Amino acid sequence: MILDLQNIYKDYQQDKLVVPVLKDVSFQVEEGEYVAIMGPSGSGKTTLMNIIGCLDRPTSGNYLLAGEDVLKCRDKEMSDLRLRSIGFVFQSFHLLSRQTALDNVALPLSYAGIKKKERKERAARALERVGLGDRMTFKPTQLSGGQKQRVAIARAMVNNPKILLADEPTGALDSKSGEQIMELFRQLNDEGVTVVMITHDRNIASRAKRVIHIIDGMITEEGKSQVDGMAVGGEESQVNDMAVEEKELQLNGMAVGDVGKEAENE
């Protein structure tokens, strides 16, 4: 069992108002599965992704990641667990503009204490794995959107994580590039990689082997709201946006902005 979430609740404080976002969420993901978590804007899927990715803690509940009790981890232990266990793929890539594709992919290995020569070798193999062996010295400005996402996937996989966690991975791509990325996910899953993908797109979700629907912070069978067939979730969307503004999204144990400043100043 790779993921085991039981009775997860998450509330946000907005002034004096407590806004419930996730409400008794429970599900499991087996090693080697390809799972999509699908829901509209405001459904709670981004909050759920942050909890799965050890970027945030639930208000209550139980979460085991590869058998480790995440909620008993201190912040440093959670960062280490995130580094070892999860590879992130984001809609907006989060590549460092002044670094080559090879250096972008090698970055997580530096925080894992891997020596420079081995970092370069492993990063090169990861880029070859996603079909970019001839683009290693290119910087992000020299790459297409689809190629940038392939670099991001190579970076996510370079540390051999237990889970590839993708947030709207085709959202910034044209349809052709999106198809190529989805085919790459299929290939990685066929090789045994556990993939958990967050999306609002039914077509993208259908590429997964299992779809978990989330509406109004609750797991549902049909993925439909009980109020006029529309997702409510407006409060969650507003509060979640506030949380993102207040706290930079963390990647591999560091804030993305901090990683960028550190690497680009080297």
Protein backbone atom coordinates (compact mmCIF):
# COMPACT_ATOMS: atom_id res chain seq x y z
CA MET A 1 0.00 0.00 0.00
CA ILE A 2 1.53 3.31 -1.11
CA LEU A 3 -1.15 5.74 0.07
CA ASP A 4 -3.64 5.19 2.85
CA LEU A 5 -5.78 8.18 3.82
CA GLN A 6 -8.49 7.66 6.40
CA ASN A 7 -11.08 10.17 7.68
CA ILE A 8 -9.16 13.21 6.47
CA TYR A 9 -10.61 16.60 7.41
CA LYS A 10 -9.13 20.00 6.56
CA ASP A 11 -10.45 23.34 7.79
CA TYR A 12 -9.20 26.84 7.03
CA GLN A 13 -9.59 29.81 9.33
CA GLN A 14 -10.98 32.89 7.57
CA ASP A 15 -11.16 35.72 10.10
CA LYS A 16 -13.40 34.25 12.81
CA LEU A 17 -15.05 31.79 10.42
CA VAL A 18 -13.91 28.18 10.16
CA VAL A 19 -14.38 26.94 6.58
CA PRO A 20 -14.40 23.14 6.10
CA VAL A 21 -12.62 22.12 2.90
CA LEU A 22 -12.10 18.34 3.13
CA LYS A 23 -14.76 16.29 4.89
CA ASP A 24 -14.07 12.71 5.92
CA VAL A 25 -11.96 11.78 2.88
CA SER A 26 -10.81 8.14 2.81
CA PHE A 27 -9.14 6.16 0.02
CA GLN A 28 -6.13 3.97 -0.70
CA VAL A 29 -3.70 3.67 -3.60
CA GLU A 30 -1.76 0.48 -4.27
CA GLU A 31 1.79 0.41 -5.58
CA GLY A 32 1.83 0.61 -9.39
CA GLU A 33 -1.66 2.11 -9.71
CA TYR A 34 -2.57 4.98 -12.04
CA VAL A 35 -5.19 7.09 -10.28
CA ALA A 36 -6.87 10.35 -11.24
CA ILE A 37 -8.47 12.58 -8.60
CA MET A 38 -11.06 14.59 -10.50
CA GLY A 39 -13.16 17.54 -9.41
CA PRO A 40 -14.17 21.04 -10.48
CA SER A 41 -12.66 24.27 -9.18
CA GLY A 42 -13.39 24.64 -5.49
CA SER A 43 -13.96 20.94 -4.92
CA GLY A 44 -11.01 20.49 -2.55
CA LYS A 45 -8.72 18.61 -4.93
CA THR A 46 -5.82 21.07 -4.60
CA THR A 47 -6.03 20.91 -0.82
CA LEU A 48 -6.07 17.11 -1.06
CA MET A 49 -3.04 17.17 -3.37
CA ASN A 50 -1.12 19.32 -0.87
CA ILE A 51 -1.86 16.82 1.89
CA ILE A 52 -0.93 13.80 -0.28
CA GLY A 53 2.29 15.60 -1.27
CA CYS A 54 3.23 16.35 2.37
CA LEU A 55 2.99 20.08 1.64
CA ASP A 56 0.25 20.57 4.21
CA ARG A 57 -1.23 18.76 7.18
CA PRO A 58 -4.88 17.82 7.65
CA THR A 59 -6.86 19.15 10.57
CA SER A 60 -7.59 15.56 11.59
CA GLY A 61 -7.43 12.04 10.21
CA ASN A 62 -4.75 9.43 9.45
CA TYR A 63 -2.29 9.35 6.54
CA LEU A 64 0.25 6.60 5.82
CA LEU A 65 2.71 7.10 2.96
CA ALA A 66 4.51 3.87 2.09
CA GLY A 67 3.80 2.69 5.64
CA GLU A 68 5.10 5.85 7.36
CA ASP A 69 2.75 7.85 9.55
CA VAL A 70 3.02 11.28 7.95
CA LEU A 71 1.16 13.10 10.71
CA LYS A 72 3.73 12.05 13.30
CA CYS A 73 6.56 13.59 11.27
CA ARG A 74 8.11 16.88 12.28
CA ASP A 75 8.59 19.50 9.55
CA LYS A 76 12.15 18.40 8.70
CA GLU A 77 11.11 14.74 8.68
CA MET A 78 8.19 15.61 6.40
CA SER A 79 10.53 17.42 4.01
CA ASP A 80 12.83 14.39 3.92
CA LEU A 81 9.88 12.08 3.32
CA ARG A 82 8.66 14.31 0.50
CA LEU A 83 12.12 14.32 -1.08
CA ARG A 84 12.44 10.53 -0.92
CA SER A 85 8.93 9.51 -1.81
CA ILE A 86 7.21 12.01 -4.11
CA GLY A 87 8.03 13.46 -7.50
CA PHE A 88 5.99 16.56 -8.36
CA VAL A 89 4.78 17.65 -11.80
CA PHE A 90 3.04 21.03 -11.91
CA GLN A 91 0.93 22.74 -14.54
CA SER A 92 3.35 25.69 -14.72
CA PHE A 93 6.52 23.54 -14.84
CA HIS A 94 8.53 25.50 -12.16
CA LEU A 95 11.76 25.28 -14.17
CA LEU A 96 14.67 27.62 -13.46
CA SER A 97 15.00 29.88 -16.49
CA ARG A 98 18.78 30.37 -16.29
CA GLN A 99 19.57 26.69 -15.88
CA THR A 100 19.84 24.05 -18.60
CA ALA A 101 17.44 21.14 -18.81
CA LEU A 102 20.17 18.93 -17.33
CA ASP A 103 20.73 21.26 -14.37
CA ASN A 104 16.99 21.58 -13.73
CA VAL A 105 16.61 17.82 -13.59
CA ALA A 106 19.70 17.40 -11.39
CA LEU A 107 18.51 19.95 -8.81
CA PRO A 108 16.59 17.57 -6.47
CA LEU A 109 19.64 15.32 -6.29
CA SER A 110 21.73 18.13 -4.84
CA TYR A 111 19.37 18.32 -1.86
CA ALA A 112 19.60 14.54 -1.53
CA GLY A 113 23.37 14.82 -1.05
CA ILE A 114 24.30 13.14 -4.36
CA LYS A 115 27.75 14.01 -5.71
CA LYS A 116 27.94 16.23 -8.79
CA LYS A 117 29.16 13.60 -11.25
CA GLU A 118 26.42 11.15 -10.30
CA ARG A 119 23.83 13.96 -10.39
CA LYS A 120 24.73 14.74 -13.99
CA GLU A 121 24.68 11.06 -15.00
CA ARG A 122 21.30 10.39 -13.40
CA ALA A 123 19.81 13.60 -14.81
CA ALA A 124 21.02 12.67 -18.30
CA ARG A 125 19.42 9.22 -18.03
CA ALA A 126 16.16 10.79 -16.85
CA LEU A 127 16.08 13.17 -19.82
CA GLU A 128 16.77 10.30 -22.20
CA ARG A 129 13.91 8.39 -20.57
CA VAL A 130 11.46 11.18 -21.50
CA GLY A 131 12.83 11.56 -25.01
CA LEU A 132 14.95 14.69 -24.48
CA GLY A 133 18.44 13.27 -24.72
CA ASP A 134 19.20 15.84 -27.44
CA ARG A 135 17.98 18.83 -25.40
CA MET A 136 20.13 18.54 -22.28
CA THR A 137 21.95 21.85 -22.78
CA PHE A 138 18.82 23.78 -23.75
CA LYS A 139 17.35 26.34 -21.35
CA PRO A 140 13.58 26.55 -20.78
CA THR A 141 13.23 29.54 -23.13
CA GLN A 142 14.53 27.32 -25.93
CA LEU A 143 11.96 24.57 -25.30
CA SER A 144 8.32 24.14 -26.27
CA GLY A 145 5.63 23.77 -23.63
CA GLY A 146 5.54 20.01 -24.08
CA GLN A 147 9.32 19.77 -23.82
CA LYS A 148 9.29 21.86 -20.63
CA GLN A 149 6.78 19.47 -19.11
CA ARG A 150 8.97 16.52 -20.11
CA VAL A 151 11.88 18.17 -18.32
CA ALA A 152 9.64 18.61 -15.27
CA ILE A 153 8.67 14.93 -15.42
CA ALA A 154 12.33 13.92 -15.70
CA ARG A 155 13.08 16.06 -12.65
CA ALA A 156 10.21 14.44 -10.77
CA MET A 157 11.49 10.95 -11.59
CA VAL A 158 15.24 11.49 -11.13
CA ASN A 159 15.16 10.64 -7.41
CA ASN A 160 13.25 7.39 -8.04
CA PRO A 161 10.25 8.45 -5.94
CA LYS A 162 7.53 6.06 -4.84
CA ILE A 163 4.81 8.28 -6.37
CA LEU A 164 4.59 10.64 -9.31
CA LEU A 165 2.11 13.34 -8.22
CA ALA A 166 0.88 15.47 -11.13
CA ASP A 167 -1.27 18.60 -10.73
CA GLU A 168 -3.17 19.48 -13.95
CA PRO A 169 -0.12 18.32 -15.97
CA THR A 170 -1.59 19.25 -19.38
CA GLY A 171 -3.32 22.46 -18.31
CA ALA A 172 -0.74 24.78 -19.94
CA LEU A 173 -0.27 22.68 -23.08
CA ASP A 174 -1.87 22.51 -26.51
CA SER A 175 -3.83 19.36 -27.32
CA LYS A 176 -1.01 17.65 -29.24
CA SER A 177 1.54 18.25 -26.48
CA GLY A 178 -1.02 17.18 -23.91
CA GLU A 179 -1.53 13.87 -25.71
CA GLN A 180 2.22 13.28 -25.72
CA ILE A 181 2.46 13.92 -21.97
CA MET A 182 -0.45 11.58 -21.26
CA GLU A 183 1.23 8.89 -23.36
CA LEU A 184 4.42 9.40 -21.34
CA PHE A 185 2.49 8.93 -18.10
CA ARG A 186 1.02 5.71 -19.49
CA GLN A 187 4.48 4.44 -20.39
CA LEU A 188 5.87 5.30 -16.94
CA ASN A 189 2.95 3.54 -15.29
CA ASP A 190 3.51 0.49 -17.49
CA GLU A 191 7.08 0.47 -16.16
CA GLY A 192 5.71 0.27 -12.61
CA VAL A 193 5.60 3.94 -11.59
CA THR A 194 2.69 4.82 -9.29
CA VAL A 195 0.92 7.87 -10.78
CA VAL A 196 -1.58 10.08 -8.94
CA MET A 197 -2.96 12.85 -11.14
CA ILE A 198 -5.10 15.82 -10.08
CA THR A 199 -7.40 17.19 -12.79
CA HIS A 200 -10.72 18.83 -13.54
CA ASP A 201 -10.75 17.46 -17.10
CA ARG A 202 -12.88 14.36 -17.61
CA ASN A 203 -10.99 13.39 -20.77
CA ILE A 204 -7.63 13.55 -19.00
CA ALA A 205 -9.00 11.65 -16.00
CA SER A 206 -10.25 8.90 -18.28
CA ARG A 207 -6.64 8.03 -19.18
CA ALA A 208 -6.06 6.80 -15.64
CA LYS A 209 -6.97 3.26 -14.63
CA ARG A 210 -9.04 4.48 -11.67
CA VAL A 211 -10.84 7.77 -11.08
CA ILE A 212 -11.63 9.19 -7.64
CA HIS A 213 -14.27 11.94 -7.77
CA ILE A 214 -14.23 14.76 -5.25
CA ILE A 215 -17.07 17.27 -4.89
CA ASP A 216 -17.48 19.84 -2.10
CA GLY A 217 -14.61 18.26 -0.18
CA MET A 218 -16.12 14.76 -0.20
CA ILE A 219 -15.36 11.63 -2.19
CA THR A 220 -18.38 10.71 -4.33
CA GLU A 221 -19.29 7.88 -6.68
CA GLU A 222 -20.66 9.95 -9.54
CA GLY A 223 -18.70 13.14 -9.10
CA LYS A 224 -21.85 15.30 -9.08
CA SER A 225 -22.91 17.94 -6.58
CA GLN A 226 -26.18 17.52 -4.79
CA VAL A 227 -27.11 21.20 -5.33
CA ASP A 228 -28.66 21.80 -8.76
CA GLY A 229 -26.02 19.56 -10.34
CA MET A 230 -23.35 22.21 -9.76
CA ALA A 231 -20.29 22.11 -7.50
CA VAL A 232 -20.60 24.59 -4.64
CA GLY A 233 -17.04 24.89 -3.29
CA GLY A 234 -16.75 28.67 -3.75
CA GLU A 235 -15.59 29.21 -0.18
CA GLU A 236 -12.99 26.49 -0.48
CA SER A 237 -11.63 28.01 -3.69
CA GLN A 238 -11.31 31.45 -2.10
CA VAL A 239 -9.73 30.16 1.09
CA ASN A 240 -7.37 27.84 -0.79
CA ASP A 241 -6.22 30.75 -2.99
CA MET A 242 -5.47 32.71 0.18
CA ALA A 243 -3.45 29.83 1.57
CA VAL A 244 -1.39 29.62 -1.61
CA GLU A 245 -0.68 33.36 -1.48
CA GLU A 246 0.37 33.17 2.17
CA LYS A 247 2.64 30.15 1.77
CA GLU A 248 4.81 29.43 -1.26
CA LEU A 249 4.37 25.94 -2.58
CA GLN A 250 7.24 23.74 -1.39
CA LEU A 251 9.13 21.40 -3.69
CA ASN A 252 11.61 18.79 -2.51
CA GLY A 253 11.85 20.33 0.95
CA MET A 254 12.29 23.97 -0.14
CA ALA A 255 10.04 26.76 -1.38
CA VAL A 256 10.14 26.97 -5.17
CA GLY A 257 11.06 30.66 -5.05
CA ASP A 258 13.94 29.99 -2.66
CA VAL A 259 15.26 27.15 -4.82
CA GLY A 260 15.21 29.41 -7.84
CA LYS A 261 17.08 32.23 -6.11
CA GLU A 262 19.69 29.85 -4.69
CA ALA A 263 20.33 27.97 -7.93
CA GLU A 264 20.36 31.03 -10.17
CA ASN A 265 22.82 32.81 -7.91
CA GLU A 266 25.32 29.97 -8.02
